[in-house]
């Protein structure tokens, strides 16, 4: 027996609507196809897209933290150069 969805899954749009260099929205992390097809997706497909967006966001944060750490280390090394 399939569970009935009572509420529609809302769009993850944050209203930023800018695309990064990999083609993902900087606000919601959906790609072009996911954004344009959102209203035609089933609730199961929407949940999958949201899960993908969460994974993309986590990857972005991990990469940003790694870059910040490398930048901090470079600054520390430069401050020790005489």
PDB file of N, CA and C in Angstrom:
ATOM      1  N   UNK A   1       0.838  -1.177   0.000  1.00  0.00           N
ATOM      2  CA  UNK A   1       0.000   0.000   0.000  1.00  0.00           C
ATOM      3  C   UNK A   1       0.885   1.243   0.000  1.00  0.00           C
ATOM      4  N   UNK A   2       0.627   2.154  -0.905  1.00  0.00           N
ATOM      5  CA  UNK A   2       1.421   3.361  -1.036  1.00  0.00           C
ATOM      6  C   UNK A   2       0.895   4.449  -0.111  1.00  0.00           C
ATOM      7  N   UNK A   3       1.820   5.172   0.518  1.00  0.00           N
ATOM      8  CA  UNK A   3       1.422   6.247   1.422  1.00  0.00           C
ATOM      9  C   UNK A   3       0.956   7.453   0.619  1.00  0.00           C
ATOM     10  N   UNK A   4      -0.114   8.061   1.037  1.00  0.00           N
ATOM     11  CA  UNK A   4      -0.676   9.227   0.351  1.00  0.00           C
ATOM     12  C   UNK A   4      -0.009  10.486   0.889  1.00  0.00           C
ATOM     13  N   UNK A   5       0.410  11.340  -0.033  1.00  0.00           N
ATOM     14  CA  UNK A   5       0.989  12.623   0.341  1.00  0.00           C
ATOM     15  C   UNK A   5      -0.128  13.627   0.558  1.00  0.00           C
ATOM     16  N   UNK A   6      -0.143  14.250   1.722  1.00  0.00           N
ATOM     17  CA  UNK A   6      -1.191  15.222   2.033  1.00  0.00           C
ATOM     18  C   UNK A   6      -0.785  16.623   1.582  1.00  0.00           C
ATOM     19  N   UNK A   7       0.487  16.966   1.805  1.00  0.00           N
ATOM     20  CA  UNK A   7       0.959  18.302   1.487  1.00  0.00           C
ATOM     21  C   UNK A   7       1.918  18.261   0.313  1.00  0.00           C
ATOM     22  N   UNK A   8       1.832  19.272  -0.502  1.00  0.00           N
ATOM     23  CA  UNK A   8       2.748  19.426  -1.628  1.00  0.00           C
ATOM     24  C   UNK A   8       4.134  19.785  -1.098  1.00  0.00           C
ATOM     25  N   UNK A   9       5.163  19.284  -1.726  1.00  0.00           N
ATOM     26  CA  UNK A   9       6.530  19.594  -1.319  1.00  0.00           C
ATOM     27  C   UNK A   9       6.885  20.951  -1.915  1.00  0.00           C
ATOM     28  N   UNK A  10       7.244  21.926  -1.083  1.00  0.00           N
ATOM     29  CA  UNK A  10       7.540  23.267  -1.593  1.00  0.00           C
ATOM     30  C   UNK A  10       8.879  23.310  -2.329  1.00  0.00           C
ATOM     31  N   UNK A  11       8.985  24.260  -3.211  1.00  0.00           N
ATOM     32  CA  UNK A  11      10.223  24.467  -3.950  1.00  0.00           C
ATOM     33  C   UNK A  11      11.323  24.888  -2.979  1.00  0.00           C
ATOM     34  N   UNK A  12      12.557  24.394  -3.184  1.00  0.00           N
ATOM     35  CA  UNK A  12      13.675  24.794  -2.313  1.00  0.00           C
ATOM     36  C   UNK A  12      14.270  26.154  -2.688  1.00  0.00           C
ATOM     37  N   UNK A  13      13.642  26.840  -3.628  1.00  0.00           N
ATOM     38  CA  UNK A  13      14.161  28.126  -4.104  1.00  0.00           C
ATOM     39  C   UNK A  13      14.342  29.100  -2.946  1.00  0.00           C
ATOM     40  N   UNK A  14      15.498  29.779  -2.921  1.00  0.00           N
ATOM     41  CA  UNK A  14      15.803  30.772  -1.894  1.00  0.00           C
ATOM     42  C   UNK A  14      15.704  32.194  -2.440  1.00  0.00           C
ATOM     43  N   UNK A  15      15.380  32.319  -3.737  1.00  0.00           N
ATOM     44  CA  UNK A  15      15.246  33.633  -4.343  1.00  0.00           C
ATOM     45  C   UNK A  15      16.565  34.266  -4.753  1.00  0.00           C
ATOM     46  N   UNK A  16      17.649  33.521  -4.742  1.00  0.00           N
ATOM     47  CA  UNK A  16      18.954  34.062  -5.136  1.00  0.00           C
ATOM     48  C   UNK A  16      19.112  33.971  -6.654  1.00  0.00           C
ATOM     49  N   UNK A  17      18.806  32.828  -7.226  1.00  0.00           N
ATOM     50  CA  UNK A  17      18.724  32.616  -8.668  1.00  0.00           C
ATOM     51  C   UNK A  17      19.953  33.079  -9.445  1.00  0.00           C
ATOM     52  N   UNK A  18      21.123  32.671  -8.993  1.00  0.00           N
ATOM     53  CA  UNK A  18      22.373  32.886  -9.710  1.00  0.00           C
ATOM     54  C   UNK A  18      23.023  31.527  -9.875  1.00  0.00           C
ATOM     55  N   UNK A  19      23.673  31.327 -11.008  1.00  0.00           N
ATOM     56  CA  UNK A  19      24.261  30.030 -11.311  1.00  0.00           C
ATOM     57  C   UNK A  19      25.767  30.076 -11.085  1.00  0.00           C
ATOM     58  N   UNK A  20      26.294  29.022 -10.454  1.00  0.00           N
ATOM     59  CA  UNK A  20      27.746  28.952 -10.259  1.00  0.00           C
ATOM     60  C   UNK A  20      28.407  28.403 -11.513  1.00  0.00           C
ATOM     61  N   UNK A  21      29.727  28.223 -11.470  1.00  0.00           N
ATOM     62  CA  UNK A  21      30.461  27.775 -12.655  1.00  0.00           C
ATOM     63  C   UNK A  21      30.158  26.330 -13.039  1.00  0.00           C
ATOM     64  N   UNK A  22      29.490  25.570 -12.199  1.00  0.00           N
ATOM     65  CA  UNK A  22      29.133  24.185 -12.516  1.00  0.00           C
ATOM     66  C   UNK A  22      27.675  24.055 -12.957  1.00  0.00           C
ATOM     67  N   UNK A  23      26.947  25.164 -13.015  1.00  0.00           N
ATOM     68  CA  UNK A  23      25.574  25.150 -13.499  1.00  0.00           C
ATOM     69  C   UNK A  23      24.519  24.960 -12.423  1.00  0.00           C
ATOM     70  N   UNK A  24      24.929  25.010 -11.159  1.00  0.00           N
ATOM     71  CA  UNK A  24      23.981  24.864 -10.057  1.00  0.00           C
ATOM     72  C   UNK A  24      23.618  26.235  -9.505  1.00  0.00           C
ATOM     73  N   UNK A  25      22.361  26.384  -9.121  1.00  0.00           N
ATOM     74  CA  UNK A  25      21.903  27.627  -8.515  1.00  0.00           C
ATOM     75  C   UNK A  25      22.641  27.848  -7.196  1.00  0.00           C
ATOM     76  N   UNK A  26      23.105  29.059  -6.957  1.00  0.00           N
ATOM     77  CA  UNK A  26      23.831  29.368  -5.720  1.00  0.00           C
ATOM     78  C   UNK A  26      22.921  29.414  -4.504  1.00  0.00           C
ATOM     79  N   UNK A  27      21.622  29.497  -4.717  1.00  0.00           N
ATOM     80  CA  UNK A  27      20.681  29.547  -3.605  1.00  0.00           C
ATOM     81  C   UNK A  27      20.172  28.187  -3.188  1.00  0.00           C
ATOM     82  N   UNK A  28      19.699  27.410  -4.169  1.00  0.00           N
ATOM     83  CA  UNK A  28      19.055  26.138  -3.832  1.00  0.00           C
ATOM     84  C   UNK A  28      19.844  24.913  -4.280  1.00  0.00           C
ATOM     85  N   UNK A  29      20.891  25.113  -5.094  1.00  0.00           N
ATOM     86  CA  UNK A  29      21.776  24.039  -5.558  1.00  0.00           C
ATOM     87  C   UNK A  29      21.107  23.067  -6.526  1.00  0.00           C
ATOM     88  N   UNK A  30      20.034  23.522  -7.202  1.00  0.00           N
ATOM     89  CA  UNK A  30      19.435  22.697  -8.245  1.00  0.00           C
ATOM     90  C   UNK A  30      20.088  23.040  -9.582  1.00  0.00           C
ATOM     91  N   UNK A  31      20.138  22.046 -10.493  1.00  0.00           N
ATOM     92  CA  UNK A  31      20.622  22.342 -11.830  1.00  0.00           C
ATOM     93  C   UNK A  31      19.474  22.887 -12.674  1.00  0.00           C
ATOM     94  N   UNK A  32      19.777  23.254 -13.894  1.00  0.00           N
ATOM     95  CA  UNK A  32      18.789  23.883 -14.769  1.00  0.00           C
ATOM     96  C   UNK A  32      17.559  22.999 -14.964  1.00  0.00           C
ATOM     97  N   UNK A  33      17.777  21.725 -15.275  1.00  0.00           N
ATOM     98  CA  UNK A  33      16.665  20.813 -15.520  1.00  0.00           C
ATOM     99  C   UNK A  33      15.790  20.656 -14.275  1.00  0.00           C
ATOM    100  N   UNK A  34      16.427  20.569 -13.125  1.00  0.00           N
ATOM    101  CA  UNK A  34      15.675  20.416 -11.871  1.00  0.00           C
ATOM    102  C   UNK A  34      14.833  21.649 -11.581  1.00  0.00           C
ATOM    103  N   UNK A  35      15.370  22.824 -11.876  1.00  0.00           N
ATOM    104  CA  UNK A  35      14.615  24.063 -11.647  1.00  0.00           C
ATOM    105  C   UNK A  35      13.429  24.166 -12.596  1.00  0.00           C
ATOM    106  N   UNK A  36      13.661  23.914 -13.878  1.00  0.00           N
ATOM    107  CA  UNK A  36      12.603  24.098 -14.871  1.00  0.00           C
ATOM    108  C   UNK A  36      11.526  23.030 -14.773  1.00  0.00           C
ATOM    109  N   UNK A  37      11.881  21.819 -14.346  1.00  0.00           N
ATOM    110  CA  UNK A  37      10.915  20.721 -14.309  1.00  0.00           C
ATOM    111  C   UNK A  37      10.224  20.585 -12.952  1.00  0.00           C
ATOM    112  N   UNK A  38      10.550  21.418 -11.993  1.00  0.00           N
ATOM    113  CA  UNK A  38      10.073  21.243 -10.625  1.00  0.00           C
ATOM    114  C   UNK A  38       8.563  21.015 -10.540  1.00  0.00           C
ATOM    115  N   UNK A  39       7.784  21.817 -11.206  1.00  0.00           N
ATOM    116  CA  UNK A  39       6.320  21.712 -11.106  1.00  0.00           C
ATOM    117  C   UNK A  39       5.760  20.436 -11.737  1.00  0.00           C
ATOM    118  N   UNK A  40       6.537  19.782 -12.575  1.00  0.00           N
ATOM    119  CA  UNK A  40       6.085  18.556 -13.236  1.00  0.00           C
ATOM    120  C   UNK A  40       6.604  17.294 -12.548  1.00  0.00           C
ATOM    121  N   UNK A  41       7.426  17.440 -11.525  1.00  0.00           N
ATOM    122  CA  UNK A  41       7.988  16.276 -10.831  1.00  0.00           C
ATOM    123  C   UNK A  41       6.991  15.702  -9.838  1.00  0.00           C
ATOM    124  N   UNK A  42       7.079  14.404  -9.634  1.00  0.00           N
ATOM    125  CA  UNK A  42       6.277  13.767  -8.585  1.00  0.00           C
ATOM    126  C   UNK A  42       6.886  14.116  -7.230  1.00  0.00           C
ATOM    127  N   UNK A  43       6.163  13.876  -6.156  1.00  0.00           N
ATOM    128  CA  UNK A  43       6.696  14.161  -4.819  1.00  0.00           C
ATOM    129  C   UNK A  43       7.943  13.325  -4.533  1.00  0.00           C
ATOM    130  N   UNK A  44       7.974  12.094  -5.008  1.00  0.00           N
ATOM    131  CA  UNK A  44       9.162  11.252  -4.818  1.00  0.00           C
ATOM    132  C   UNK A  44      10.358  11.850  -5.552  1.00  0.00           C
ATOM    133  N   UNK A  45      10.142  12.341  -6.757  1.00  0.00           N
ATOM    134  CA  UNK A  45      11.219  12.969  -7.514  1.00  0.00           C
ATOM    135  C   UNK A  45      11.679  14.260  -6.841  1.00  0.00           C
ATOM    136  N   UNK A  46      10.736  15.021  -6.297  1.00  0.00           N
ATOM    137  CA  UNK A  46      11.087  16.263  -5.598  1.00  0.00           C
ATOM    138  C   UNK A  46      11.941  15.959  -4.367  1.00  0.00           C
ATOM    139  N   UNK A  47      11.579  14.913  -3.626  1.00  0.00           N
ATOM    140  CA  UNK A  47      12.386  14.533  -2.451  1.00  0.00           C
ATOM    141  C   UNK A  47      13.800  14.140  -2.870  1.00  0.00           C
ATOM    142  N   UNK A  48      13.915  13.450  -3.995  1.00  0.00           N
ATOM    143  CA  UNK A  48      15.238  13.056  -4.486  1.00  0.00           C
ATOM    144  C   UNK A  48      16.057  14.296  -4.862  1.00  0.00           C
ATOM    145  N   UNK A  49      15.431  15.249  -5.534  1.00  0.00           N
ATOM    146  CA  UNK A  49      16.124  16.494  -5.911  1.00  0.00           C
ATOM    147  C   UNK A  49      16.582  17.233  -4.658  1.00  0.00           C
ATOM    148  N   UNK A  50      15.733  17.303  -3.655  1.00  0.00           N
ATOM    149  CA  UNK A  50      16.104  17.994  -2.415  1.00  0.00           C
ATOM    150  C   UNK A  50      17.287  17.287  -1.748  1.00  0.00           C
ATOM    151  N   UNK A  51      17.293  15.962  -1.758  1.00  0.00           N
ATOM    152  CA  UNK A  51      18.421  15.210  -1.185  1.00  0.00           C
ATOM    153  C   UNK A  51      19.703  15.503  -1.964  1.00  0.00           C
ATOM    154  N   UNK A  52      19.609  15.566  -3.285  1.00  0.00           N
ATOM    155  CA  UNK A  52      20.778  15.900  -4.102  1.00  0.00           C
ATOM    156  C   UNK A  52      21.274  17.308  -3.789  1.00  0.00           C
ATOM    157  N   UNK A  53      20.348  18.242  -3.620  1.00  0.00           N
ATOM    158  CA  UNK A  53      20.722  19.620  -3.292  1.00  0.00           C
ATOM    159  C   UNK A  53      21.448  19.685  -1.952  1.00  0.00           C
ATOM    160  N   UNK A  54      20.991  18.918  -0.978  1.00  0.00           N
ATOM    161  CA  UNK A  54      21.647  18.891   0.328  1.00  0.00           C
ATOM    162  C   UNK A  54      23.058  18.336   0.217  1.00  0.00           C
ATOM    163  N   UNK A  55      23.241  17.308  -0.607  1.00  0.00           N
ATOM    164  CA  UNK A  55      24.578  16.756  -0.820  1.00  0.00           C
ATOM    165  C   UNK A  55      25.486  17.777  -1.492  1.00  0.00           C
ATOM    166  N   UNK A  56      24.959  18.477  -2.477  1.00  0.00           N
ATOM    167  CA  UNK A  56      25.746  19.510  -3.177  1.00  0.00           C
ATOM    168  C   UNK A  56      26.151  20.613  -2.218  1.00  0.00           C
ATOM    169  N   UNK A  57      25.235  21.021  -1.349  1.00  0.00           N
ATOM    170  CA  UNK A  57      25.532  22.067  -0.374  1.00  0.00           C
ATOM    171  C   UNK A  57      26.637  21.611   0.582  1.00  0.00           C
ATOM    172  N   UNK A  58      26.540  20.382   1.060  1.00  0.00           N
ATOM    173  CA  UNK A  58      27.571  19.862   1.966  1.00  0.00           C
ATOM    174  C   UNK A  58      28.935  19.816   1.291  1.00  0.00           C
ATOM    175  N   UNK A  59      28.966  19.430   0.008  1.00  0.00           N
ATOM    176  CA  UNK A  59      30.228  19.413  -0.743  1.00  0.00           C
ATOM    177  C   UNK A  59      30.780  20.821  -0.888  1.00  0.00           C
ATOM    178  N   UNK A  60      29.896  21.775  -1.155  1.00  0.00           N
ATOM    179  CA  UNK A  60      30.315  23.174  -1.291  1.00  0.00           C
ATOM    180  C   UNK A  60      30.945  23.680   0.009  1.00  0.00           C
ATOM    181  N   UNK A  61      30.288  23.411   1.123  1.00  0.00           N
ATOM    182  CA  UNK A  61      30.804  23.856   2.429  1.00  0.00           C
ATOM    183  C   UNK A  61      32.142  23.191   2.732  1.00  0.00           C
ATOM    184  N   UNK A  62      32.264  21.901   2.474  1.00  0.00           N
ATOM    185  CA  UNK A  62      33.519  21.188   2.719  1.00  0.00           C
ATOM    186  C   UNK A  62      34.648  21.780   1.876  1.00  0.00           C
ATOM    187  N   UNK A  63      34.378  22.061   0.607  1.00  0.00           N
ATOM    188  CA  UNK A  63      35.399  22.657  -0.260  1.00  0.00           C
ATOM    189  C   UNK A  63      35.753  24.062   0.189  1.00  0.00           C
ATOM    190  N   UNK A  64      34.749  24.827   0.598  1.00  0.00           N
ATOM    191  CA  UNK A  64      34.999  26.195   1.071  1.00  0.00           C
ATOM    192  C   UNK A  64      35.860  26.177   2.330  1.00  0.00           C
ATOM    193  N   UNK A  65      35.546  25.281   3.265  1.00  0.00           N
ATOM    194  CA  UNK A  65      36.336  25.172   4.490  1.00  0.00           C
ATOM    195  C   UNK A  65      37.769  24.760   4.185  1.00  0.00           C
ATOM    196  N   UNK A  66      37.939  23.862   3.227  1.00  0.00           N
ATOM    197  CA  UNK A  66      39.278  23.412   2.841  1.00  0.00           C
ATOM    198  C   UNK A  66      40.066  24.575   2.240  1.00  0.00           C
ATOM    199  N   UNK A  67      39.427  25.359   1.369  1.00  0.00           N
ATOM    200  CA  UNK A  67      40.090  26.513   0.764  1.00  0.00           C
ATOM    201  C   UNK A  67      40.436  27.557   1.816  1.00  0.00           C
ATOM    202  N   UNK A  68      39.536  27.799   2.760  1.00  0.00           N
ATOM    203  CA  UNK A  68      39.794  28.762   3.830  1.00  0.00           C
ATOM    204  C   UNK A  68      40.980  28.319   4.679  1.00  0.00           C
ATOM    205  N   UNK A  69      41.051  27.027   4.954  1.00  0.00           N
ATOM    206  CA  UNK A  69      42.151  26.493   5.750  1.00  0.00           C
ATOM    207  C   UNK A  69      43.480  26.644   5.017  1.00  0.00           C
ATOM    208  N   UNK A  70      43.484  26.349   3.719  1.00  0.00           N
ATOM    209  CA  UNK A  70      44.701  26.486   2.925  1.00  0.00           C
ATOM    210  C   UNK A  70      45.133  27.950   2.852  1.00  0.00           C
ATOM    211  N   UNK A  71      44.176  28.843   2.693  1.00  0.00           N
ATOM    212  CA  UNK A  71      44.473  30.270   2.641  1.00  0.00           C
ATOM    213  C   UNK A  71      45.052  30.747   3.969  1.00  0.00           C
ATOM    214  N   UNK A  72      44.492  30.260   5.073  1.00  0.00           N
ATOM    215  CA  UNK A  72      44.988  30.627   6.394  1.00  0.00           C
ATOM    216  C   UNK A  72      46.413  30.141   6.600  1.00  0.00           C
ATOM    217  N   UNK A  73      46.698  28.927   6.145  1.00  0.00           N
ATOM    218  CA  UNK A  73      48.044  28.375   6.275  1.00  0.00           C
ATOM    219  C   UNK A  73      49.038  29.172   5.445  1.00  0.00           C
ATOM    220  N   UNK A  74      48.640  29.593   4.251  1.00  0.00           N
ATOM    221  CA  UNK A  74      49.514  30.396   3.397  1.00  0.00           C
ATOM    222  C   UNK A  74      49.792  31.741   4.062  1.00  0.00           C
ATOM    223  N   UNK A  75      48.779  32.359   4.647  1.00  0.00           N
ATOM    224  CA  UNK A  75      48.956  33.637   5.335  1.00  0.00           C
ATOM    225  C   UNK A  75      49.886  33.480   6.530  1.00  0.00           C
ATOM    226  N   UNK A  76      49.762  32.377   7.264  1.00  0.00           N
ATOM    227  CA  UNK A  76      50.641  32.132   8.390  1.00  0.00           C
ATOM    228  C   UNK A  76      52.086  31.971   7.939  1.00  0.00           C
ATOM    229  N   UNK A  77      52.286  31.274   6.847  1.00  0.00           N
ATOM    230  CA  UNK A  77      53.627  31.066   6.324  1.00  0.00           C
ATOM    231  C   UNK A  77      54.232  32.374   5.838  1.00  0.00           C
ATOM    232  N   UNK A  78      53.415  33.209   5.183  1.00  0.00           N
ATOM    233  CA  UNK A  78      53.901  34.489   4.684  1.00  0.00           C
ATOM    234  C   UNK A  78      54.279  35.416   5.827  1.00  0.00           C
ATOM    235  N   UNK A  79      53.562  35.338   6.929  1.00  0.00           N
ATOM    236  CA  UNK A  79      53.869  36.221   8.049  1.00  0.00           C
ATOM    237  C   UNK A  79      55.149  35.802   8.742  1.00  0.00           C
ATOM    238  N   UNK A  80      55.591  34.574   8.554  1.00  0.00           N
ATOM    239  CA  UNK A  80      56.840  34.098   9.144  1.00  0.00           C
ATOM    240  C   UNK A  80      58.038  34.384   8.266  1.00  0.00           C
ATOM    241  N   UNK A  81      57.821  34.735   7.003  1.00  0.00           N
ATOM    242  CA  UNK A  81      58.930  35.051   6.097  1.00  0.00           C
ATOM    243  C   UNK A  81      59.503  36.417   6.476  1.00  0.00           C
ATOM    244  N   UNK A  82      60.827  36.461   6.573  1.00  0.00           N
ATOM    245  CA  UNK A  82      61.484  37.712   6.952  1.00  0.00           C
ATOM    246  C   UNK A  82      62.088  38.376   5.752  1.00  0.00           C
TER     247      UNK A  82
END
